[in-house]
Amino acid sequence: FTAVDNAGNSATCSFTVTVQDNLPPQLFNCPTDLTVDVNTGGCEMPVTWTPPQPFDQCTGITPTLIASDTSGTVFPIGDKVVVFTAIDIFDDSTSCLFMITVRDSVAPTIVCLDDFQVVATDSCSTVVDFSLQLTFDN
């Protein structure tokens, strides 16, 4: 600023104005919880989703999106929380999360023996000898 009086004398001063963004960015369309069933190929499954879209109120600023896991990651049977965090250039951040549940809904298979008969001894009993059945699970 400059001030000038009627005699032509002047004085100046200056100062800095800093505009700060202290509003966190936003995340739109955070995925909802997902439940998937493993197929017959094993005890884990790849899971896909569409990540949320980060948005900042300040025009021209696109927040960085960080995800704890990426779409297509192979998850084992059980529950897993996936977290998304949006961070703007001023280190303001916001997060959203969703749960992935991977279930084993494939029944095991069992190979049974064929029916067979055993003749009892004089005491109406006998020892029966057989192999254990085989079982398989995904």
N, C-alpha and C. Protein backbone atom coordinates (compact mmCIF):
# COMPACT_ATOMS: atom_id res chain seq x y z
N PHE A 1 0.85 -1.17 0.00
CA PHE A 1 0.00 0.00 0.00
C PHE A 1 0.89 1.22 0.00
N THR A 2 0.42 2.27 -0.65
CA THR A 2 1.14 3.53 -0.68
C THR A 2 0.18 4.64 -0.28
N ALA A 3 0.64 5.46 0.65
CA ALA A 3 -0.14 6.63 1.05
C ALA A 3 0.64 7.87 0.62
N VAL A 4 -0.05 8.83 -0.01
CA VAL A 4 0.59 10.06 -0.47
C VAL A 4 -0.22 11.23 0.09
N ASP A 5 0.53 12.19 0.72
CA ASP A 5 -0.20 13.36 1.24
C ASP A 5 -0.19 14.47 0.19
N ASN A 6 -0.81 15.66 0.51
CA ASN A 6 -0.91 16.78 -0.43
C ASN A 6 0.45 17.37 -0.78
N ALA A 7 1.43 17.15 0.08
CA ALA A 7 2.76 17.69 -0.18
C ALA A 7 3.61 16.74 -1.03
N GLY A 8 3.08 15.58 -1.39
CA GLY A 8 3.82 14.63 -2.20
C GLY A 8 4.64 13.65 -1.41
N ASN A 9 4.53 13.72 -0.11
CA ASN A 9 5.25 12.75 0.71
C ASN A 9 4.51 11.40 0.64
N SER A 10 5.26 10.31 0.67
CA SER A 10 4.60 9.01 0.57
C SER A 10 5.19 8.03 1.57
N ALA A 11 4.40 7.07 1.88
CA ALA A 11 4.84 5.96 2.73
C ALA A 11 4.23 4.69 2.15
N THR A 12 4.99 3.62 2.26
CA THR A 12 4.49 2.35 1.73
C THR A 12 4.62 1.26 2.78
N CYS A 13 3.79 0.29 2.64
CA CYS A 13 3.91 -0.92 3.46
C CYS A 13 3.38 -2.08 2.63
N SER A 14 3.80 -3.25 3.01
CA SER A 14 3.31 -4.45 2.31
C SER A 14 3.11 -5.57 3.33
N PHE A 15 2.29 -6.47 2.95
CA PHE A 15 2.06 -7.64 3.79
C PHE A 15 1.65 -8.80 2.87
N THR A 16 1.73 -10.00 3.40
CA THR A 16 1.40 -11.20 2.63
C THR A 16 0.07 -11.76 3.11
N VAL A 17 -0.76 -12.11 2.17
CA VAL A 17 -2.02 -12.77 2.48
C VAL A 17 -1.88 -14.23 2.05
N THR A 18 -2.09 -15.13 2.97
CA THR A 18 -2.02 -16.56 2.66
C THR A 18 -3.41 -17.15 2.81
N VAL A 19 -3.90 -17.74 1.75
CA VAL A 19 -5.19 -18.41 1.80
C VAL A 19 -4.93 -19.89 2.02
N GLN A 20 -5.50 -20.43 3.08
CA GLN A 20 -5.28 -21.83 3.41
C GLN A 20 -6.54 -22.64 3.17
N ASP A 21 -6.32 -23.83 2.69
CA ASP A 21 -7.40 -24.79 2.54
C ASP A 21 -7.30 -25.74 3.73
N ASN A 22 -8.24 -25.66 4.64
CA ASN A 22 -8.23 -26.59 5.76
C ASN A 22 -9.45 -27.52 5.72
N LEU A 23 -10.11 -27.54 4.56
CA LEU A 23 -11.22 -28.47 4.37
C LEU A 23 -10.68 -29.77 3.79
N PRO A 24 -11.05 -30.90 4.37
CA PRO A 24 -10.56 -32.16 3.82
C PRO A 24 -11.19 -32.43 2.46
N PRO A 25 -10.51 -33.18 1.63
CA PRO A 25 -11.12 -33.58 0.36
C PRO A 25 -12.29 -34.53 0.63
N GLN A 26 -13.02 -34.84 -0.40
CA GLN A 26 -14.16 -35.75 -0.27
C GLN A 26 -13.92 -36.99 -1.12
N LEU A 27 -14.56 -38.08 -0.73
CA LEU A 27 -14.53 -39.31 -1.52
C LEU A 27 -15.96 -39.66 -1.89
N PHE A 28 -16.20 -39.80 -3.19
CA PHE A 28 -17.53 -40.15 -3.68
C PHE A 28 -17.54 -41.61 -4.14
N ASN A 29 -18.65 -42.27 -3.89
CA ASN A 29 -18.89 -43.65 -4.34
C ASN A 29 -17.91 -44.65 -3.74
N CYS A 30 -17.74 -44.59 -2.42
CA CYS A 30 -16.93 -45.61 -1.75
C CYS A 30 -17.65 -46.95 -1.94
N PRO A 31 -16.91 -48.01 -2.29
CA PRO A 31 -17.57 -49.31 -2.50
C PRO A 31 -18.32 -49.77 -1.25
N THR A 32 -19.39 -50.50 -1.48
CA THR A 32 -20.12 -51.12 -0.37
C THR A 32 -19.48 -52.46 -0.05
N ASP A 33 -19.83 -53.01 1.09
CA ASP A 33 -19.27 -54.30 1.49
C ASP A 33 -19.53 -55.35 0.42
N LEU A 34 -18.54 -56.23 0.20
CA LEU A 34 -18.64 -57.27 -0.81
C LEU A 34 -18.48 -58.64 -0.17
N THR A 35 -19.28 -59.59 -0.65
CA THR A 35 -19.13 -60.99 -0.25
C THR A 35 -18.98 -61.81 -1.51
N VAL A 36 -17.90 -62.60 -1.56
CA VAL A 36 -17.65 -63.46 -2.71
C VAL A 36 -17.41 -64.88 -2.23
N ASP A 37 -17.76 -65.84 -3.07
CA ASP A 37 -17.53 -67.25 -2.77
C ASP A 37 -16.35 -67.75 -3.57
N VAL A 38 -15.49 -68.55 -2.92
CA VAL A 38 -14.37 -69.14 -3.64
C VAL A 38 -14.91 -70.17 -4.60
N ASN A 39 -14.19 -70.37 -5.69
CA ASN A 39 -14.60 -71.40 -6.63
C ASN A 39 -13.93 -72.71 -6.23
N THR A 40 -14.03 -73.71 -7.06
CA THR A 40 -13.48 -75.01 -6.71
C THR A 40 -11.96 -75.05 -6.80
N GLY A 41 -11.33 -73.94 -7.20
CA GLY A 41 -9.90 -73.95 -7.42
C GLY A 41 -9.03 -73.67 -6.22
N GLY A 42 -9.58 -73.38 -5.07
CA GLY A 42 -8.71 -73.12 -3.94
C GLY A 42 -9.41 -72.38 -2.82
N CYS A 43 -8.62 -71.81 -1.94
CA CYS A 43 -9.15 -71.14 -0.74
C CYS A 43 -8.91 -69.64 -0.78
N GLU A 44 -8.82 -69.09 -1.98
CA GLU A 44 -8.67 -67.64 -2.13
C GLU A 44 -9.33 -67.23 -3.43
N MET A 45 -9.61 -65.93 -3.52
CA MET A 45 -10.37 -65.46 -4.67
C MET A 45 -9.97 -64.03 -5.00
N PRO A 46 -9.76 -63.70 -6.30
CA PRO A 46 -9.54 -62.30 -6.65
C PRO A 46 -10.86 -61.54 -6.54
N VAL A 47 -10.78 -60.32 -6.03
CA VAL A 47 -11.97 -59.50 -5.84
C VAL A 47 -11.75 -58.16 -6.55
N THR A 48 -12.75 -57.74 -7.33
CA THR A 48 -12.63 -56.48 -8.05
C THR A 48 -13.71 -55.51 -7.58
N TRP A 49 -13.40 -54.22 -7.67
CA TRP A 49 -14.33 -53.16 -7.32
C TRP A 49 -13.90 -51.90 -8.04
N THR A 50 -14.78 -50.91 -8.04
CA THR A 50 -14.46 -49.60 -8.60
C THR A 50 -14.07 -48.68 -7.44
N PRO A 51 -12.87 -48.09 -7.49
CA PRO A 51 -12.45 -47.22 -6.39
C PRO A 51 -13.28 -45.94 -6.34
N PRO A 52 -13.33 -45.30 -5.17
CA PRO A 52 -14.06 -44.03 -5.06
C PRO A 52 -13.34 -42.92 -5.82
N GLN A 53 -14.06 -41.84 -6.07
CA GLN A 53 -13.47 -40.69 -6.76
C GLN A 53 -13.15 -39.60 -5.73
N PRO A 54 -11.87 -39.16 -5.68
CA PRO A 54 -11.51 -38.08 -4.77
C PRO A 54 -11.89 -36.72 -5.37
N PHE A 55 -12.27 -35.79 -4.52
CA PHE A 55 -12.68 -34.46 -4.96
C PHE A 55 -12.22 -33.44 -3.92
N ASP A 56 -11.73 -32.29 -4.39
CA ASP A 56 -11.37 -31.20 -3.48
C ASP A 56 -12.18 -29.97 -3.85
N GLN A 57 -12.57 -29.21 -2.84
CA GLN A 57 -13.39 -28.03 -3.05
C GLN A 57 -12.64 -26.93 -3.79
N CYS A 58 -11.31 -26.95 -3.69
CA CYS A 58 -10.50 -25.94 -4.37
C CYS A 58 -10.34 -26.33 -5.84
N THR A 59 -10.72 -25.45 -6.72
CA THR A 59 -10.66 -25.70 -8.15
C THR A 59 -9.23 -25.98 -8.58
N GLY A 60 -9.06 -27.02 -9.38
CA GLY A 60 -7.75 -27.33 -9.93
C GLY A 60 -6.91 -28.24 -9.05
N ILE A 61 -7.39 -28.63 -7.90
CA ILE A 61 -6.63 -29.51 -7.02
C ILE A 61 -7.26 -30.90 -7.06
N THR A 62 -6.48 -31.88 -7.43
CA THR A 62 -6.96 -33.26 -7.41
C THR A 62 -6.24 -33.99 -6.29
N PRO A 63 -6.98 -34.44 -5.29
CA PRO A 63 -6.33 -35.15 -4.18
C PRO A 63 -5.71 -36.47 -4.65
N THR A 64 -4.71 -36.91 -3.92
CA THR A 64 -4.09 -38.21 -4.16
C THR A 64 -4.93 -39.27 -3.47
N LEU A 65 -5.19 -40.36 -4.16
CA LEU A 65 -5.96 -41.47 -3.59
C LEU A 65 -5.02 -42.61 -3.25
N ILE A 66 -5.04 -43.02 -1.99
CA ILE A 66 -4.21 -44.12 -1.51
C ILE A 66 -5.15 -45.24 -1.07
N ALA A 67 -4.87 -46.47 -1.50
CA ALA A 67 -5.71 -47.61 -1.15
C ALA A 67 -4.87 -48.66 -0.42
N SER A 68 -5.45 -49.28 0.61
CA SER A 68 -4.74 -50.34 1.32
C SER A 68 -4.60 -51.58 0.45
N ASP A 69 -5.54 -51.78 -0.48
CA ASP A 69 -5.50 -52.90 -1.41
C ASP A 69 -6.06 -52.41 -2.74
N THR A 70 -5.64 -53.03 -3.83
CA THR A 70 -6.13 -52.62 -5.15
C THR A 70 -7.13 -53.63 -5.69
N SER A 71 -7.99 -53.16 -6.56
CA SER A 71 -8.97 -54.03 -7.20
C SER A 71 -8.24 -55.14 -7.94
N GLY A 72 -8.74 -56.36 -7.80
CA GLY A 72 -8.11 -57.52 -8.42
C GLY A 72 -7.20 -58.28 -7.48
N THR A 73 -6.99 -57.75 -6.26
CA THR A 73 -6.16 -58.44 -5.28
C THR A 73 -6.79 -59.79 -4.94
N VAL A 74 -5.96 -60.80 -4.72
CA VAL A 74 -6.44 -62.13 -4.33
C VAL A 74 -6.50 -62.17 -2.80
N PHE A 75 -7.70 -62.45 -2.27
CA PHE A 75 -7.92 -62.49 -0.83
C PHE A 75 -8.18 -63.92 -0.37
N PRO A 76 -7.66 -64.31 0.80
CA PRO A 76 -7.96 -65.64 1.35
C PRO A 76 -9.36 -65.64 1.99
N ILE A 77 -9.82 -66.82 2.34
CA ILE A 77 -11.10 -66.94 3.03
C ILE A 77 -11.04 -66.13 4.32
N GLY A 78 -12.10 -65.37 4.57
CA GLY A 78 -12.17 -64.54 5.78
C GLY A 78 -12.61 -63.13 5.44
N ASP A 79 -12.41 -62.24 6.39
CA ASP A 79 -12.81 -60.83 6.24
C ASP A 79 -11.58 -59.95 6.10
N LYS A 80 -11.71 -58.92 5.28
CA LYS A 80 -10.63 -57.94 5.08
C LYS A 80 -11.24 -56.56 4.92
N VAL A 81 -10.73 -55.59 5.65
CA VAL A 81 -11.18 -54.21 5.51
C VAL A 81 -10.25 -53.52 4.51
N VAL A 82 -10.85 -52.87 3.50
CA VAL A 82 -10.09 -52.10 2.52
C VAL A 82 -10.34 -50.63 2.82
N VAL A 83 -9.26 -49.86 2.92
CA VAL A 83 -9.34 -48.43 3.29
C VAL A 83 -8.82 -47.58 2.14
N PHE A 84 -9.58 -46.54 1.80
CA PHE A 84 -9.17 -45.54 0.83
C PHE A 84 -8.95 -44.23 1.57
N THR A 85 -7.86 -43.52 1.24
CA THR A 85 -7.59 -42.22 1.84
C THR A 85 -7.28 -41.23 0.73
N ALA A 86 -7.97 -40.09 0.76
CA ALA A 86 -7.70 -38.99 -0.17
C ALA A 86 -6.93 -37.92 0.59
N ILE A 87 -5.81 -37.46 0.01
CA ILE A 87 -4.97 -36.43 0.65
C ILE A 87 -4.77 -35.31 -0.36
N ASP A 88 -5.05 -34.06 0.08
CA ASP A 88 -4.83 -32.93 -0.82
C ASP A 88 -3.43 -32.36 -0.62
N ILE A 89 -3.06 -31.33 -1.38
CA ILE A 89 -1.71 -30.79 -1.34
C ILE A 89 -1.39 -30.08 -0.02
N PHE A 90 -2.41 -29.85 0.80
CA PHE A 90 -2.21 -29.21 2.09
C PHE A 90 -2.20 -30.23 3.23
N ASP A 91 -2.13 -31.52 2.88
CA ASP A 91 -2.14 -32.64 3.82
C ASP A 91 -3.46 -32.80 4.57
N ASP A 92 -4.54 -32.22 4.04
CA ASP A 92 -5.86 -32.51 4.58
C ASP A 92 -6.26 -33.87 4.01
N SER A 93 -6.92 -34.68 4.81
CA SER A 93 -7.27 -36.02 4.32
C SER A 93 -8.63 -36.46 4.84
N THR A 94 -9.17 -37.44 4.13
CA THR A 94 -10.41 -38.10 4.54
C THR A 94 -10.31 -39.55 4.08
N SER A 95 -11.06 -40.43 4.73
CA SER A 95 -10.99 -41.85 4.40
C SER A 95 -12.38 -42.45 4.33
N CYS A 96 -12.47 -43.55 3.61
CA CYS A 96 -13.66 -44.39 3.63
C CYS A 96 -13.18 -45.83 3.57
N LEU A 97 -14.03 -46.75 3.97
CA LEU A 97 -13.64 -48.15 3.99
C LEU A 97 -14.82 -49.04 3.66
N PHE A 98 -14.49 -50.27 3.28
CA PHE A 98 -15.51 -51.28 3.07
C PHE A 98 -14.93 -52.64 3.41
N MET A 99 -15.81 -53.61 3.66
CA MET A 99 -15.40 -54.94 4.07
C MET A 99 -15.55 -55.92 2.91
N ILE A 100 -14.53 -56.75 2.74
CA ILE A 100 -14.59 -57.86 1.79
C ILE A 100 -14.66 -59.15 2.60
N THR A 101 -15.65 -59.98 2.29
CA THR A 101 -15.78 -61.28 2.92
C THR A 101 -15.66 -62.35 1.84
N VAL A 102 -14.67 -63.23 2.00
CA VAL A 102 -14.49 -64.34 1.08
C VAL A 102 -14.95 -65.60 1.82
N ARG A 103 -15.93 -66.29 1.21
CA ARG A 103 -16.52 -67.48 1.85
C ARG A 103 -16.16 -68.74 1.07
N ASP A 104 -16.02 -69.83 1.81
CA ASP A 104 -15.88 -71.16 1.21
C ASP A 104 -17.26 -71.79 1.24
N SER A 105 -17.96 -71.78 0.12
CA SER A 105 -19.30 -72.38 0.07
C SER A 105 -19.31 -73.66 -0.75
N VAL A 106 -18.11 -74.18 -1.06
CA VAL A 106 -18.01 -75.43 -1.82
C VAL A 106 -17.92 -76.57 -0.82
N ALA A 107 -18.87 -77.51 -0.90
CA ALA A 107 -18.87 -78.65 0.02
C ALA A 107 -17.69 -79.57 -0.28
N PRO A 108 -17.14 -80.21 0.74
CA PRO A 108 -16.07 -81.18 0.49
C PRO A 108 -16.65 -82.41 -0.21
N THR A 109 -15.77 -83.16 -0.83
CA THR A 109 -16.21 -84.42 -1.44
C THR A 109 -15.62 -85.57 -0.64
N ILE A 110 -16.32 -86.68 -0.67
CA ILE A 110 -15.85 -87.86 0.07
C ILE A 110 -16.01 -89.06 -0.84
N VAL A 111 -15.02 -89.92 -0.83
CA VAL A 111 -15.06 -91.16 -1.61
C VAL A 111 -15.31 -92.29 -0.62
N CYS A 112 -16.49 -92.87 -0.71
CA CYS A 112 -16.87 -93.94 0.23
C CYS A 112 -16.54 -95.30 -0.36
N LEU A 113 -16.43 -96.24 0.52
CA LEU A 113 -16.23 -97.63 0.09
C LEU A 113 -17.55 -98.19 -0.42
N ASP A 114 -17.45 -99.19 -1.27
CA ASP A 114 -18.64 -99.89 -1.69
C ASP A 114 -19.17 -100.70 -0.51
N ASP A 115 -20.48 -100.94 -0.52
CA ASP A 115 -21.07 -101.79 0.52
C ASP A 115 -20.42 -103.17 0.46
N PHE A 116 -20.25 -103.78 1.61
CA PHE A 116 -19.72 -105.13 1.66
C PHE A 116 -20.32 -105.86 2.85
N GLN A 117 -20.26 -107.18 2.81
CA GLN A 117 -20.79 -108.01 3.89
C GLN A 117 -19.65 -108.79 4.51
N VAL A 118 -19.78 -109.01 5.79
CA VAL A 118 -18.81 -109.80 6.53
C VAL A 118 -19.60 -110.88 7.27
N VAL A 119 -19.14 -112.09 7.23
CA VAL A 119 -19.81 -113.20 7.91
C VAL A 119 -19.33 -113.24 9.35
N ALA A 120 -20.30 -113.30 10.26
CA ALA A 120 -19.97 -113.34 11.69
C ALA A 120 -19.43 -114.71 12.07
N THR A 121 -18.62 -114.72 13.09
CA THR A 121 -18.07 -115.98 13.60
C THR A 121 -19.11 -116.64 14.50
N ASP A 122 -18.71 -117.67 15.18
CA ASP A 122 -19.60 -118.42 16.07
C ASP A 122 -20.21 -117.56 17.15
N SER A 123 -19.54 -116.52 17.57
CA SER A 123 -20.05 -115.70 18.66
C SER A 123 -20.90 -114.53 18.15
N CYS A 124 -21.31 -114.57 16.89
CA CYS A 124 -22.12 -113.51 16.26
C CYS A 124 -21.40 -112.19 16.19
N SER A 125 -20.11 -112.24 16.16
CA SER A 125 -19.33 -111.02 15.97
C SER A 125 -18.10 -111.35 15.16
N THR A 126 -17.47 -110.32 14.64
CA THR A 126 -16.24 -110.53 13.88
C THR A 126 -15.51 -109.21 13.79
N VAL A 127 -14.29 -109.26 13.46
CA VAL A 127 -13.49 -108.07 13.24
C VAL A 127 -13.67 -107.66 11.78
N VAL A 128 -13.99 -106.38 11.57
CA VAL A 128 -14.15 -105.86 10.22
C VAL A 128 -12.96 -104.97 9.93
N ASP A 129 -12.29 -105.26 8.85
CA ASP A 129 -11.10 -104.49 8.47
C ASP A 129 -11.42 -103.73 7.18
N PHE A 130 -11.24 -102.41 7.18
CA PHE A 130 -11.47 -101.62 5.97
C PHE A 130 -10.59 -100.39 6.00
N SER A 131 -10.36 -99.82 4.85
CA SER A 131 -9.55 -98.59 4.74
C SER A 131 -10.43 -97.40 4.99
N LEU A 132 -9.84 -96.35 5.48
CA LEU A 132 -10.58 -95.09 5.69
C LEU A 132 -10.95 -94.48 4.36
N GLN A 133 -12.06 -93.79 4.35
CA GLN A 133 -12.50 -93.13 3.13
C GLN A 133 -11.60 -91.92 2.84
N LEU A 134 -11.62 -91.49 1.60
CA LEU A 134 -10.84 -90.34 1.19
C LEU A 134 -11.73 -89.11 1.15
N THR A 135 -11.22 -87.99 1.61
CA THR A 135 -11.98 -86.74 1.53
C THR A 135 -11.12 -85.69 0.82
N PHE A 136 -11.81 -84.79 0.14
CA PHE A 136 -11.15 -83.70 -0.57
C PHE A 136 -11.92 -82.40 -0.31
N ASP A 137 -11.19 -81.33 -0.22
CA ASP A 137 -11.83 -80.01 -0.07
C ASP A 137 -11.08 -79.03 -0.97
N ASN A 138 -11.78 -78.00 -1.38
CA ASN A 138 -11.14 -77.03 -2.25
C ASN A 138 -10.10 -76.25 -1.50
